[in-house]
Amino acid sequence: MSNDANDVTVVITCCNQADYIVEAVDSVHAQTLQTPSIIVVDDGSDDPRTIRVLVELSDSGVRVIHQRNAGVSSARNRGIRAASSTFVAVLDGDDRFKPHFLESAVDLLHHDDGLVAASSWMSTFGVLESTVKPLGGDIGAFLARNNCPAACVFRRDLALSAGGYDEDMRAGFEDWDFYLTILEHMEQAYSTHGRIGIIPEPLIEYRTSSTSSNIASMGKRLELMRLIIRKHQQSYQAHLCDAILGIETVSMQRLELWERTVRHHPELLSGNSPSALFMQEPSYGDGGMAAAVRIRSGIEALAEKGKPEVV
C-alpha cells in the first residue's frame, strides 16, 4: 500500500465544535498513513471554547483557516483550494476516522483510475449505534440515492475542475450533489464512466444526535431531492431507467424489511398502531397491498402450525 503522507491532505470543517474537534484531529494523527497534512477550516465559530481549542491546535502545528460563516460547502472548498496534495480527504469536525481509513482509501484510488472518490462503511455512535453500509457505484446508482458518506477521499484536481462543492446548498445534500457533479464531470471531460469506491469495513465513525444535519434535512428531503433532480436533469434523463429502478429497489427493500418484522411480531398489528392502520388501508400501486396480503397469510399460517392436531 502507498504510505506517502505528503500525498494526502485532510480537510476538517468546524463550527462551534469544541467538544469534538480534537477527537477528529487525533483520529487523523492516528492514521497508519503516517501523519498526513491537516487543514482545519473554521466556519465562523463564535463560541469562546471552540476559538480557544482552535488556537491550541494551531499552536500544536495544525493549520487552521478562519472564515466568516458560509456553510460546510464553502469551508470544504476553502480547504481544498489551500491544499497542494494529490488527494484530499474531508471530515466533519464531530466525526472520526479509524486508523486504516486513509491508507485503505488512497490505496483504492491509486489502483483504480476509474474511481473518482473512495470511502467506507460507517460505525455510528451517539444516539444510534449501528453499522451503515453504503454501496458506492456509478452515476446510475447515485441518481437513485446518495451512496457514499460525506467523509471521503478524492483527487484534488478533479474536484477543482468540477467546481467543488455547491456553496448555495446550505440546507443539506451537498455531499450527494458533489458526488453527482464529479461523476458527471468524468463523463463530460474525459468520456469515462467514473465510479465511487466503498471499502467494505466500517472505517468511519459517524456521530449521531437529534440535532445533526442529516436529521434536520429530513424535513426538507423532498424539496432537496427536487433541487438535486433539477440541477442534474440531463443525467436523470440519460439514466432514467437506472434512477427509477434504483428508487424502486430501495422502496421494496424497506417494505420487505417491515413485512418480515411484522410477520414475526404480529403484536405490532394490535390497536391503532401505524402497522395496524396500514393493514386496514394498505397503499396501492407500490407493493403495499401485496405486502399486506403476504403478512396476513403468513400470520394465519403460523397460527395454523400452532394449533393442536385433530385426532
Protein backbone atom coordinates (compact mmCIF):
# COMPACT_ATOMS: atom_id res chain seq x y z
CA MET A 1 0.00 0.00 0.00
CA SER A 2 1.04 3.58 -0.55
CA ASN A 3 2.22 5.31 2.60
CA ASP A 4 3.14 8.69 1.16
CA ALA A 5 1.65 11.04 3.75
CA ASN A 6 2.57 14.07 1.62
CA ASP A 7 0.10 12.84 -0.99
CA VAL A 8 -2.95 13.46 1.21
CA THR A 9 -4.43 16.48 2.97
CA VAL A 10 -7.30 16.04 5.40
CA VAL A 11 -9.69 19.00 5.44
CA ILE A 12 -11.66 19.10 8.69
CA THR A 13 -14.54 21.56 8.85
CA CYS A 14 -15.57 23.03 12.17
CA CYS A 15 -18.21 25.38 13.54
CA ASN A 16 -18.57 25.64 17.32
CA GLN A 17 -17.45 22.06 17.92
CA ALA A 18 -15.12 22.48 20.87
CA ASP A 19 -16.19 19.17 22.39
CA TYR A 20 -15.32 17.13 19.30
CA ILE A 21 -12.78 18.81 17.02
CA VAL A 22 -9.76 17.48 18.93
CA GLU A 23 -11.12 13.94 18.56
CA ALA A 24 -11.37 14.44 14.80
CA VAL A 25 -7.80 15.76 14.60
CA ASP A 26 -6.47 12.98 16.84
CA SER A 27 -8.11 10.38 14.60
CA VAL A 28 -6.09 11.76 11.68
CA HIS A 29 -2.87 11.73 13.70
CA ALA A 30 -3.56 8.06 14.49
CA GLN A 31 -3.66 7.03 10.82
CA THR A 32 -1.43 4.23 9.56
CA LEU A 33 -0.65 6.54 6.62
CA GLN A 34 1.89 8.18 8.91
CA THR A 35 0.76 11.77 9.58
CA PRO A 36 -0.91 13.42 6.58
CA SER A 37 -1.30 17.17 6.31
CA ILE A 38 -4.25 18.58 8.23
CA ILE A 39 -6.19 21.75 7.48
CA VAL A 40 -8.95 22.76 9.88
CA VAL A 41 -11.33 25.27 8.34
CA ASP A 42 -13.24 27.21 10.99
CA ASP A 43 -16.57 28.23 9.50
CA GLY A 44 -17.21 31.29 11.66
CA SER A 45 -17.15 29.81 15.16
CA ASP A 46 -18.23 32.32 17.81
CA ASP A 47 -18.06 30.02 20.83
CA PRO A 48 -15.14 31.08 23.08
CA ARG A 49 -14.29 27.47 23.95
CA THR A 50 -14.07 26.48 20.29
CA ILE A 51 -11.93 29.51 19.49
CA ARG A 52 -9.61 28.60 22.36
CA VAL A 53 -9.32 24.98 21.18
CA LEU A 54 -8.55 26.13 17.64
CA VAL A 55 -5.75 28.36 18.95
CA GLU A 56 -4.31 25.37 20.80
CA LEU A 57 -4.49 23.25 17.65
CA SER A 58 -2.74 25.98 15.68
CA ASP A 59 -0.02 26.22 18.33
CA SER A 60 0.50 22.45 18.05
CA GLY A 61 1.22 22.71 14.32
CA VAL A 62 -2.20 22.13 12.78
CA ARG A 63 -3.00 24.62 10.04
CA VAL A 64 -6.19 26.48 10.95
CA ILE A 65 -8.01 28.71 8.45
CA HIS A 66 -10.74 31.06 9.68
CA GLN A 67 -13.62 32.37 7.58
CA ARG A 68 -16.98 34.01 8.13
CA ASN A 69 -19.81 31.52 8.45
CA ALA A 70 -20.69 30.43 4.91
CA GLY A 71 -21.64 26.77 5.32
CA VAL A 72 -19.86 23.44 5.14
CA SER A 73 -19.54 23.51 1.33
CA SER A 74 -17.69 26.82 1.43
CA ALA A 75 -15.45 25.56 4.23
CA ARG A 76 -14.58 22.38 2.33
CA ASN A 77 -13.83 24.34 -0.84
CA ARG A 78 -11.58 26.69 1.14
CA GLY A 79 -9.63 23.72 2.44
CA ILE A 80 -9.41 22.03 -0.97
CA ARG A 81 -8.00 25.20 -2.53
CA ALA A 82 -5.49 25.59 0.30
CA ALA A 83 -4.21 22.02 -0.09
CA SER A 84 -1.42 21.12 -2.51
CA SER A 85 -1.60 17.32 -2.33
CA THR A 86 -2.79 14.86 -4.96
CA PHE A 87 -5.61 13.62 -2.75
CA VAL A 88 -7.92 15.42 -0.33
CA ALA A 89 -9.97 13.80 2.41
CA VAL A 90 -12.86 15.65 4.01
CA LEU A 91 -14.04 15.05 7.56
CA ASP A 92 -16.68 16.83 9.62
CA GLY A 93 -15.43 18.20 12.91
CA ASP A 94 -17.57 15.89 15.04
CA ASP A 95 -16.68 12.64 13.25
CA ARG A 96 -13.60 10.42 13.27
CA PHE A 97 -11.53 8.16 11.03
CA LYS A 98 -10.45 4.73 12.19
CA PRO A 99 -6.66 4.20 11.84
CA HIS A 100 -6.68 2.37 8.47
CA PHE A 101 -9.14 4.64 6.67
CA LEU A 102 -6.77 6.89 4.73
CA GLU A 103 -4.32 4.16 3.79
CA SER A 104 -7.13 1.93 2.53
CA ALA A 105 -8.90 4.71 0.60
CA VAL A 106 -5.76 6.09 -1.03
CA ASP A 107 -4.63 2.59 -1.98
CA LEU A 108 -8.02 2.02 -3.64
CA LEU A 109 -7.68 5.24 -5.65
CA HIS A 110 -4.07 4.50 -6.64
CA HIS A 111 -5.02 1.13 -8.08
CA ASP A 112 -8.16 2.14 -10.00
CA ASP A 113 -8.10 5.20 -12.25
CA GLY A 114 -11.84 4.82 -12.80
CA LEU A 115 -12.58 5.82 -9.22
CA VAL A 116 -13.32 9.48 -8.59
CA ALA A 117 -13.59 9.07 -4.81
CA ALA A 118 -13.29 6.43 -2.11
CA SER A 119 -14.93 5.98 1.26
CA SER A 120 -16.06 3.13 3.53
CA TRP A 121 -18.85 1.74 5.63
CA MET A 122 -19.60 3.68 8.82
CA SER A 123 -19.92 2.91 12.50
CA THR A 124 -22.44 5.28 14.05
CA PHE A 125 -22.25 6.28 17.69
CA GLY A 126 -24.11 8.64 19.99
CA VAL A 127 -27.90 8.35 19.76
CA LEU A 128 -27.66 5.42 17.32
CA GLU A 129 -25.10 2.62 17.44
CA SER A 130 -25.09 0.75 14.13
CA THR A 131 -23.11 -0.19 11.05
CA VAL A 132 -24.17 1.63 7.87
CA LYS A 133 -23.16 0.04 4.57
CA PRO A 134 -23.33 2.42 1.59
CA LEU A 135 -22.70 0.80 -1.79
CA GLY A 136 -20.88 3.35 -3.93
CA GLY A 137 -21.14 2.78 -7.68
CA ASP A 138 -21.52 4.73 -10.91
CA ILE A 139 -23.74 7.68 -11.71
CA GLY A 140 -26.78 5.44 -12.23
CA ALA A 141 -26.50 4.23 -8.65
CA PHE A 142 -26.13 7.78 -7.33
CA LEU A 143 -29.17 9.16 -9.14
CA ALA A 144 -31.42 6.95 -7.02
CA ARG A 145 -29.83 7.90 -3.70
CA ASN A 146 -26.61 9.07 -2.12
CA ASN A 147 -24.39 6.00 -1.95
CA CYS A 148 -21.36 7.47 -0.19
CA PRO A 149 -20.72 9.05 3.23
CA ALA A 150 -19.74 12.70 3.41
CA ALA A 151 -16.31 11.66 4.70
CA CYS A 152 -14.30 10.53 1.69
CA VAL A 153 -11.06 10.85 -0.27
CA PHE A 154 -10.88 12.23 -3.81
CA ARG A 155 -8.41 13.62 -6.32
CA ARG A 156 -7.94 17.32 -5.67
CA ASP A 157 -7.53 18.34 -9.33
CA LEU A 158 -10.74 16.54 -10.30
CA ALA A 159 -12.71 18.24 -7.54
CA LEU A 160 -11.40 21.67 -8.52
CA SER A 161 -12.02 21.21 -12.24
CA ALA A 162 -15.57 20.03 -11.48
CA GLY A 163 -16.23 23.19 -9.45
CA GLY A 164 -16.05 21.75 -5.94
CA TYR A 165 -18.98 21.72 -3.55
CA ASP A 166 -22.00 23.90 -4.35
CA GLU A 167 -21.84 26.69 -1.78
CA ASP A 168 -25.50 27.57 -2.32
CA MET A 169 -26.60 24.19 -0.95
CA ARG A 170 -26.68 25.01 2.75
CA ALA A 171 -29.81 23.06 3.73
CA GLY A 172 -28.33 19.60 3.11
CA PHE A 173 -27.50 17.05 0.38
CA GLU A 174 -24.35 18.99 -0.56
CA ASP A 175 -22.27 15.80 -0.45
CA TRP A 176 -24.72 13.92 -2.72
CA ASP A 177 -24.67 16.84 -5.14
CA PHE A 178 -20.86 16.85 -5.09
CA TYR A 179 -20.65 13.16 -5.97
CA LEU A 180 -23.08 13.58 -8.86
CA THR A 181 -21.08 16.59 -10.05
CA ILE A 182 -17.71 14.83 -10.14
CA LEU A 183 -19.23 11.72 -11.76
CA GLU A 184 -20.81 13.93 -14.44
CA HIS A 185 -17.52 15.75 -14.90
CA MET A 186 -15.73 12.46 -15.58
CA GLU A 187 -18.22 11.69 -18.37
CA GLN A 188 -18.16 15.18 -19.87
CA ALA A 189 -14.45 15.98 -19.61
CA TYR A 190 -12.89 12.55 -20.04
CA SER A 191 -15.64 10.49 -21.73
CA THR A 192 -15.20 7.98 -18.92
CA HIS A 193 -17.82 6.47 -16.66
CA GLY A 194 -16.39 7.09 -13.22
CA ARG A 195 -17.27 5.26 -10.03
CA ILE A 196 -17.06 5.85 -6.31
CA GLY A 197 -15.48 3.00 -4.35
CA ILE A 198 -16.53 1.83 -0.92
CA ILE A 199 -14.28 -0.17 1.41
CA PRO A 200 -16.41 -2.93 2.98
CA GLU A 201 -15.26 -2.15 6.51
CA PRO A 202 -16.61 0.46 8.95
CA LEU A 203 -13.59 2.78 8.92
CA ILE A 204 -15.54 6.00 9.58
CA GLU A 205 -17.03 6.82 12.97
CA TYR A 206 -20.11 8.98 12.46
CA ARG A 207 -21.59 10.84 15.41
CA THR A 208 -25.41 10.82 15.61
CA SER A 209 -27.59 13.24 17.56
CA SER A 210 -31.12 14.59 17.36
CA THR A 211 -29.72 17.91 16.09
CA SER A 212 -27.36 16.53 13.42
CA SER A 213 -27.60 17.97 9.92
CA ASN A 214 -28.81 14.66 8.49
CA ILE A 215 -31.79 14.64 10.87
CA ALA A 216 -32.53 18.31 10.22
CA SER A 217 -32.52 17.81 6.44
CA MET A 218 -35.12 15.00 6.59
CA GLY A 219 -37.92 17.55 6.92
CA LYS A 220 -36.79 19.11 3.65
CA ARG A 221 -35.99 15.83 1.89
CA LEU A 222 -38.49 16.17 -0.96
CA GLU A 223 -37.57 19.81 -1.52
CA LEU A 224 -33.87 18.93 -1.60
CA MET A 225 -34.45 15.96 -3.91
CA ARG A 226 -36.34 18.25 -6.28
CA LEU A 227 -33.32 20.55 -6.29
CA ILE A 228 -30.98 17.62 -6.99
CA ILE A 229 -33.15 16.41 -9.89
CA ARG A 230 -33.40 19.87 -11.43
CA LYS A 231 -29.69 20.54 -11.10
CA HIS A 232 -28.73 17.17 -12.61
CA GLN A 233 -31.64 16.93 -15.04
CA GLN A 234 -29.54 15.83 -18.01
CA SER A 235 -28.12 12.90 -16.05
CA TYR A 236 -31.57 11.85 -14.87
CA GLN A 237 -32.82 11.94 -18.47
CA ALA A 238 -29.83 9.96 -19.74
CA HIS A 239 -30.08 7.34 -16.98
CA LEU A 240 -33.83 7.41 -16.35
CA CYS A 241 -34.23 3.64 -16.12
CA ASP A 242 -31.37 3.29 -13.61
CA ALA A 243 -32.77 6.10 -11.47
CA ILE A 244 -36.34 4.80 -11.33
CA LEU A 245 -35.35 1.17 -10.75
CA GLY A 246 -32.86 2.24 -8.09
CA ILE A 247 -35.52 4.18 -6.19
CA GLU A 248 -37.97 1.27 -6.52
CA THR A 249 -35.33 -1.13 -5.20
CA VAL A 250 -34.87 0.97 -2.07
CA SER A 251 -38.66 1.14 -1.59
CA MET A 252 -39.03 -2.63 -1.97
CA GLN A 253 -36.19 -3.34 0.45
CA ARG A 254 -37.81 -1.17 3.12
CA LEU A 255 -41.22 -2.73 2.55
CA GLU A 256 -39.80 -6.26 2.75
CA LEU A 257 -37.94 -5.43 5.97
CA TRP A 258 -41.14 -4.09 7.57
CA GLU A 259 -43.06 -7.12 6.28
CA ARG A 260 -40.62 -9.59 7.86
CA THR A 261 -40.69 -7.69 11.13
CA VAL A 262 -44.49 -7.68 11.37
CA ARG A 263 -44.82 -11.34 10.37
CA HIS A 264 -42.52 -12.36 13.21
CA HIS A 265 -44.02 -9.86 15.67
CA PRO A 266 -47.78 -9.84 14.98
CA GLU A 267 -48.33 -7.93 18.22
CA LEU A 268 -47.26 -4.86 16.23
CA LEU A 269 -50.63 -5.07 14.46
CA SER A 270 -52.65 -4.53 17.61
CA GLY A 271 -54.74 -1.47 18.48
CA ASN A 272 -54.30 1.68 16.45
CA SER A 273 -50.62 1.22 15.72
CA PRO A 274 -49.34 2.52 12.36
CA SER A 275 -48.88 -1.07 11.17
CA ALA A 276 -52.47 -1.96 12.14
CA LEU A 277 -53.81 1.08 10.30
CA PHE A 278 -51.76 0.18 7.24
CA MET A 279 -53.23 -3.32 7.20
CA GLN A 280 -56.72 -1.79 7.26
CA GLU A 281 -55.93 0.63 4.41
CA PRO A 282 -52.85 -0.64 2.55
CA SER A 283 -51.28 1.52 -0.12
CA TYR A 284 -51.85 0.64 -3.76
CA GLY A 285 -49.52 0.59 -6.74
CA ASP A 286 -46.31 0.39 -4.75
CA GLY A 287 -46.48 -3.19 -3.48
CA GLY A 288 -48.24 -2.23 -0.25
CA MET A 289 -51.42 -4.26 -0.80
CA ALA A 290 -49.42 -7.33 -1.83
CA ALA A 291 -47.30 -6.98 1.30
CA ALA A 292 -50.44 -6.78 3.46
CA VAL A 293 -51.77 -9.99 1.88
CA ARG A 294 -48.46 -11.78 2.48
CA ILE A 295 -48.37 -10.59 6.09
CA ARG A 296 -51.90 -11.76 6.82
CA SER A 297 -51.30 -15.09 5.08
CA GLY A 298 -48.05 -15.60 6.96
CA ILE A 299 -49.63 -14.86 10.33
CA GLU A 300 -52.50 -17.24 9.60
CA ALA A 301 -50.06 -19.96 8.53
CA LEU A 302 -48.11 -19.56 11.76
CA ALA A 303 -51.35 -19.73 13.73
CA GLU A 304 -52.31 -22.96 11.94
CA LYS A 305 -48.96 -24.51 12.80
CA GLY A 306 -49.55 -23.70 16.44
CA LYS A 307 -52.93 -25.43 16.59
CA PRO A 308 -53.10 -28.91 18.19
CA GLU A 309 -53.60 -31.77 15.75
CA VAL A 310 -57.14 -33.16 15.47
CA VAL A 311 -57.15 -36.93 16.17
